[in-house]
Amino acid sequence: MDLVKLLYKYINKFINSKELLASLKQIDLTKYNKYEIVKIKELIKDLEKIIKEIPNEIDEVEKKRLKDIDKLLNALNDENIYKSLDDEGLDFIKRKKDSLEKDKKIANDSGKLYDAVVELLDNNELINKYFDGMSNKEMLELITEYISAPITLALTQSEFDDLVMVGIEDDNREALWRLAFNYNNKNKDFTKIVDYFILKKDAYYLEELVSAVKDDLDMEHLLKKVKETNDKNFINEIIRRGKDVEYLFSDEELKKIKEFLLK
């Protein structure tokens, strides 16, 4: 699974080609047979050749990323935002700025270099072998290691539901929430996740789900299922969380929710 993870990380630009190369060289070869070791060494040589021959040119996607970072940094440098912040708020802003500055210095691969490395990884028989042999549990682990990855694995609704069932069987609510987040706006039905969080009367993860993928949820179904629990404490916790998170529900929506759930 190490090779598949590296493919996923590179495609989503969580690592660049030099970091990919370093990771490949650090792979524990004792876990592989002689034939696989030869293939891994060939992959390393091919990657070294690509890095040497193809320069890293900034494409439009990378230009936009850097532009967005500069925009956020400029906003955080506005002195007006510091006036009403306590020490905790100031510390949060500092950490955010440090993180953005760090992200800005990262030399992401782009253009022809990125395309060449993706093609190399996509067509590698050893990576494809391990990808095809992954269990649903391993697939869920791979997808949910990151939140809102730019490029996700192409899944049918049935395949997606199989991963949901793994999360339910393990009572892995964090993984279920992350799975939904990663497939936001990708035509997936999250009803099974909604129903499970309500079954467990987990107001926290239900609120997190609504916060992340509200536009993909059947809110009428969600509220109906919440009401059917007849659990006043659970219902009031849903309403309280809606109040606490301003962006989650508007005042008018909260009013309707109260009327619907408490009548």
Protein backbone atom coordinates (compact mmCIF):
# COMPACT_ATOMS: atom_id res chain seq x y z
CA MET A 1 0.00 0.00 0.00
CA ASP A 2 3.04 2.29 0.39
CA LEU A 3 3.29 2.77 -3.37
CA VAL A 4 -0.42 3.54 -3.74
CA LYS A 5 -0.22 6.13 -0.95
CA LEU A 6 2.69 7.83 -2.72
CA LEU A 7 0.70 7.92 -5.96
CA TYR A 8 -2.27 9.49 -4.16
CA LYS A 9 -0.07 12.03 -2.39
CA TYR A 10 1.70 13.07 -5.58
CA ILE A 11 -1.42 13.35 -7.73
CA ASN A 12 -2.99 15.61 -5.10
CA LYS A 13 0.25 17.65 -4.83
CA PHE A 14 0.77 16.87 -1.17
CA ILE A 15 4.37 16.06 -2.17
CA ASN A 16 6.54 17.09 -5.12
CA SER A 17 8.74 14.88 -7.32
CA LYS A 18 11.84 15.31 -5.13
CA GLU A 19 9.90 14.33 -2.02
CA LEU A 20 8.40 11.43 -3.96
CA LEU A 21 11.87 10.27 -4.97
CA ALA A 22 13.13 10.49 -1.38
CA SER A 23 10.10 8.48 -0.18
CA LEU A 24 10.64 5.79 -2.81
CA LYS A 25 14.26 5.41 -1.73
CA GLN A 26 13.16 4.99 1.88
CA ILE A 27 10.71 2.16 1.16
CA ASP A 28 11.39 -0.98 3.19
CA LEU A 29 12.31 -3.41 0.41
CA THR A 30 12.18 -6.40 2.77
CA LYS A 31 8.38 -6.32 2.33
CA TYR A 32 8.70 -7.02 -1.40
CA ASN A 33 9.82 -10.01 -3.48
CA LYS A 34 12.83 -9.97 -5.84
CA TYR A 35 10.77 -9.08 -8.91
CA GLU A 36 9.03 -6.21 -7.09
CA ILE A 37 12.34 -4.87 -5.80
CA VAL A 38 13.63 -4.71 -9.39
CA LYS A 39 10.47 -2.82 -10.43
CA ILE A 40 10.78 -0.32 -7.57
CA LYS A 41 14.42 0.36 -8.48
CA GLU A 42 13.38 0.84 -12.12
CA LEU A 43 10.69 3.31 -10.99
CA ILE A 44 13.29 5.26 -9.03
CA LYS A 45 15.60 5.45 -12.07
CA ASP A 46 12.76 6.54 -14.36
CA LEU A 47 11.72 9.23 -11.89
CA GLU A 48 15.31 10.48 -11.55
CA LYS A 49 15.50 10.76 -15.35
CA ILE A 50 12.26 12.78 -15.52
CA ILE A 51 13.40 15.15 -12.76
CA LYS A 52 16.74 15.68 -14.51
CA GLU A 53 15.32 16.24 -18.00
CA ILE A 54 12.04 18.15 -17.44
CA PRO A 55 12.13 21.57 -15.76
CA ASN A 56 9.41 22.53 -13.33
CA GLU A 57 7.41 25.32 -14.94
CA ILE A 58 4.68 27.16 -13.04
CA ASP A 59 1.30 26.53 -14.69
CA GLU A 60 -2.00 28.37 -14.20
CA VAL A 61 -3.08 26.11 -11.35
CA GLU A 62 0.10 26.85 -9.41
CA LYS A 63 -0.13 30.56 -10.18
CA LYS A 64 -3.65 30.59 -8.75
CA ARG A 65 -2.52 28.72 -5.62
CA LEU A 66 0.22 31.24 -4.93
CA LYS A 67 -2.13 34.13 -5.67
CA ASP A 68 -4.71 32.77 -3.21
CA ILE A 69 -2.04 32.40 -0.52
CA ASP A 70 -0.92 36.03 -1.04
CA LYS A 71 -4.53 37.16 -0.80
CA LEU A 72 -5.00 35.38 2.53
CA LEU A 73 -1.70 36.71 3.88
CA ASN A 74 -2.66 40.26 2.94
CA ALA A 75 -5.97 39.83 4.75
CA LEU A 76 -4.21 38.50 7.86
CA ASN A 77 -1.79 41.42 7.80
CA ASP A 78 -4.65 43.89 8.15
CA GLU A 79 -4.11 45.52 11.57
CA ASN A 80 -7.87 45.99 12.06
CA ILE A 81 -8.43 42.27 12.63
CA TYR A 82 -6.17 42.28 15.69
CA LYS A 83 -8.04 44.91 17.68
CA SER A 84 -10.68 42.63 19.20
CA LEU A 85 -8.59 39.44 19.51
CA ASP A 86 -7.48 37.89 22.78
CA ASP A 87 -4.18 36.00 23.20
CA GLU A 88 -5.72 32.79 21.91
CA GLY A 89 -7.00 34.55 18.80
CA LEU A 90 -3.65 36.22 18.19
CA ASP A 91 -1.88 32.88 18.53
CA PHE A 92 -4.28 31.32 16.01
CA ILE A 93 -3.61 34.11 13.49
CA LYS A 94 0.16 33.72 13.94
CA ARG A 95 0.00 29.97 13.39
CA LYS A 96 -2.18 30.48 10.30
CA LYS A 97 0.25 33.01 8.85
CA ASP A 98 3.22 30.72 9.55
CA SER A 99 1.41 27.86 7.83
CA LEU A 100 0.61 29.97 4.77
CA GLU A 101 4.21 31.23 4.54
CA LYS A 102 5.38 27.62 4.69
CA ASP A 103 2.91 26.59 1.99
CA LYS A 104 4.10 29.45 -0.21
CA LYS A 105 7.68 28.19 -0.09
CA ILE A 106 6.70 24.70 -1.20
CA ALA A 107 7.82 24.07 -4.77
CA ASN A 108 4.85 22.14 -6.13
CA ASP A 109 5.35 20.29 -9.38
CA SER A 110 3.32 21.64 -12.27
CA GLY A 111 3.17 21.74 -16.06
CA LYS A 112 5.03 19.07 -18.05
CA LEU A 113 6.95 17.79 -15.03
CA TYR A 114 3.79 17.04 -13.09
CA ASP A 115 2.12 15.42 -16.12
CA ALA A 116 5.16 13.22 -16.81
CA VAL A 117 5.40 11.97 -13.22
CA VAL A 118 1.66 11.27 -13.05
CA GLU A 119 1.89 9.27 -16.28
CA LEU A 120 4.86 7.32 -14.91
CA LEU A 121 2.98 6.42 -11.72
CA ASP A 122 -0.34 5.75 -13.44
CA ASN A 123 1.25 3.24 -15.83
CA ASN A 124 3.39 1.45 -13.27
CA GLU A 125 2.30 -2.19 -13.12
CA LEU A 126 3.41 -2.66 -9.52
CA ILE A 127 1.41 0.33 -8.28
CA ASN A 128 -1.61 -0.84 -10.27
CA LYS A 129 -1.25 -4.35 -8.84
CA TYR A 130 -1.34 -3.06 -5.27
CA PHE A 131 -4.14 -0.62 -6.04
CA ASP A 132 -6.30 -3.40 -7.52
CA GLY A 133 -5.62 -5.57 -4.48
CA MET A 134 -6.66 -3.01 -1.87
CA SER A 135 -9.45 -3.94 0.50
CA ASN A 136 -12.34 -1.56 1.18
CA LYS A 137 -10.84 -0.85 4.59
CA GLU A 138 -7.50 0.12 3.04
CA MET A 139 -9.31 2.24 0.46
CA LEU A 140 -11.20 4.09 3.18
CA GLU A 141 -7.96 4.66 5.08
CA LEU A 142 -6.26 6.03 1.94
CA ILE A 143 -9.07 8.45 1.08
CA THR A 144 -9.64 9.72 4.61
CA GLU A 145 -6.00 10.39 5.48
CA TYR A 146 -6.60 13.85 4.01
CA ILE A 147 -9.59 16.19 4.11
CA SER A 148 -10.99 17.56 0.87
CA ALA A 149 -8.31 16.20 -1.47
CA PRO A 150 -8.42 17.98 -4.85
CA ILE A 151 -8.40 14.71 -6.82
CA THR A 152 -10.33 11.76 -5.40
CA LEU A 153 -10.65 8.19 -6.60
CA ALA A 154 -13.45 7.64 -9.11
CA LEU A 155 -16.13 5.67 -7.25
CA THR A 156 -19.61 4.55 -8.20
CA GLN A 157 -22.35 5.08 -5.61
CA SER A 158 -22.22 1.36 -4.84
CA GLU A 159 -18.45 1.48 -4.26
CA PHE A 160 -18.86 4.58 -2.14
CA ASP A 161 -21.53 2.84 -0.04
CA ASP A 162 -19.19 -0.14 0.46
CA LEU A 163 -16.66 2.24 2.05
CA VAL A 164 -19.43 3.77 4.18
CA MET A 165 -20.31 0.31 5.47
CA VAL A 166 -16.68 -0.27 6.51
CA GLY A 167 -16.79 2.97 8.49
CA ILE A 168 -20.09 1.97 10.08
CA GLU A 169 -18.89 -1.52 10.98
CA ASP A 170 -15.83 -0.01 12.70
CA ASP A 171 -17.87 2.86 14.18
CA ASN A 172 -15.28 5.16 12.59
CA ARG A 173 -17.28 8.40 12.55
CA GLU A 174 -14.28 10.56 11.80
CA ALA A 175 -13.57 8.52 8.66
CA LEU A 176 -17.21 8.74 7.57
CA TRP A 177 -17.19 12.53 7.93
CA ARG A 178 -13.89 12.80 6.05
CA LEU A 179 -15.20 10.51 3.31
CA ALA A 180 -18.19 12.77 2.75
CA PHE A 181 -15.99 15.88 2.80
CA ASN A 182 -13.75 14.40 0.11
CA TYR A 183 -16.72 13.65 -2.15
CA ASN A 184 -18.54 16.94 -1.67
CA ASN A 185 -20.16 18.18 -4.91
CA LYS A 186 -19.34 14.90 -6.67
CA ASN A 187 -22.86 13.50 -7.01
CA LYS A 188 -22.72 11.14 -4.07
CA ASP A 189 -25.62 10.24 -1.78
CA PHE A 190 -24.62 10.63 1.88
CA THR A 191 -27.90 9.33 3.32
CA LYS A 192 -26.32 6.26 4.92
CA ILE A 193 -23.84 8.47 6.78
CA VAL A 194 -26.62 10.84 7.91
CA ASP A 195 -28.76 7.96 9.15
CA TYR A 196 -25.84 6.42 11.05
CA PHE A 197 -24.95 9.63 12.86
CA ILE A 198 -28.60 10.04 13.83
CA LEU A 199 -28.83 6.39 14.91
CA LYS A 200 -25.88 7.05 17.21
CA LYS A 201 -27.43 10.39 18.23
CA ASP A 202 -24.10 12.03 17.53
CA ALA A 203 -24.92 15.73 17.30
CA TYR A 204 -21.25 16.67 16.90
CA TYR A 205 -20.57 14.64 13.78
CA LEU A 206 -24.00 15.41 12.35
CA GLU A 207 -23.24 19.13 12.71
CA GLU A 208 -19.78 18.61 11.16
CA LEU A 209 -21.38 16.78 8.23
CA VAL A 210 -23.92 19.54 7.62
CA SER A 211 -21.16 22.11 7.91
CA ALA A 212 -19.02 20.36 5.30
CA VAL A 213 -21.52 19.11 2.71
CA LYS A 214 -24.85 20.80 3.39
CA ASP A 215 -25.65 21.36 -0.30
CA ASP A 216 -25.32 17.61 -0.92
CA LEU A 217 -27.68 16.61 1.88
CA ASP A 218 -31.41 16.00 1.82
CA MET A 219 -32.10 18.30 4.76
CA GLU A 220 -35.79 17.42 4.84
CA HIS A 221 -34.86 13.76 5.30
CA LEU A 222 -32.24 14.66 7.92
CA LEU A 223 -34.66 16.71 10.02
CA LYS A 224 -37.36 14.07 9.69
CA LYS A 225 -34.99 11.36 10.96
CA VAL A 226 -33.87 13.58 13.85
CA LYS A 227 -37.49 14.22 14.81
CA GLU A 228 -38.29 10.49 14.68
CA THR A 229 -35.77 9.83 17.46
CA ASN A 230 -38.18 11.58 19.90
CA ASP A 231 -35.06 12.37 21.93
CA LYS A 232 -35.47 15.91 23.30
CA ASN A 233 -31.86 16.11 24.52
CA PHE A 234 -30.51 15.10 21.13
CA ILE A 235 -32.85 17.48 19.32
CA ASN A 236 -31.96 20.39 21.58
CA GLU A 237 -28.27 19.63 21.09
CA ILE A 238 -28.76 19.86 17.31
CA ILE A 239 -30.47 23.23 17.73
CA ARG A 240 -27.78 24.47 20.14
CA ARG A 241 -25.01 23.55 17.74
CA GLY A 242 -26.85 25.31 14.95
CA LYS A 243 -26.86 28.45 17.08
CA ASP A 244 -23.21 28.14 17.99
CA VAL A 245 -22.06 27.80 14.39
CA GLU A 246 -23.38 30.89 12.65
CA TYR A 247 -22.56 29.74 9.13
CA LEU A 248 -24.42 26.46 9.60
CA PHE A 249 -27.98 27.77 9.78
CA SER A 250 -29.44 31.20 9.21
CA ASP A 251 -31.81 32.64 11.85
CA GLU A 252 -34.76 31.82 9.62
CA GLU A 253 -33.57 28.23 9.14
CA LEU A 254 -33.08 27.82 12.89
CA LYS A 255 -36.60 29.08 13.47
CA LYS A 256 -38.00 26.54 11.01
CA ILE A 257 -35.91 23.77 12.53
CA LYS A 258 -37.21 24.55 16.01
CA GLU A 259 -40.79 24.66 14.78
CA PHE A 260 -40.38 21.37 12.94
CA LEU A 261 -38.46 19.43 15.58
CA LEU A 262 -40.10 20.67 18.75
CA LYS A 263 -43.74 20.86 17.81
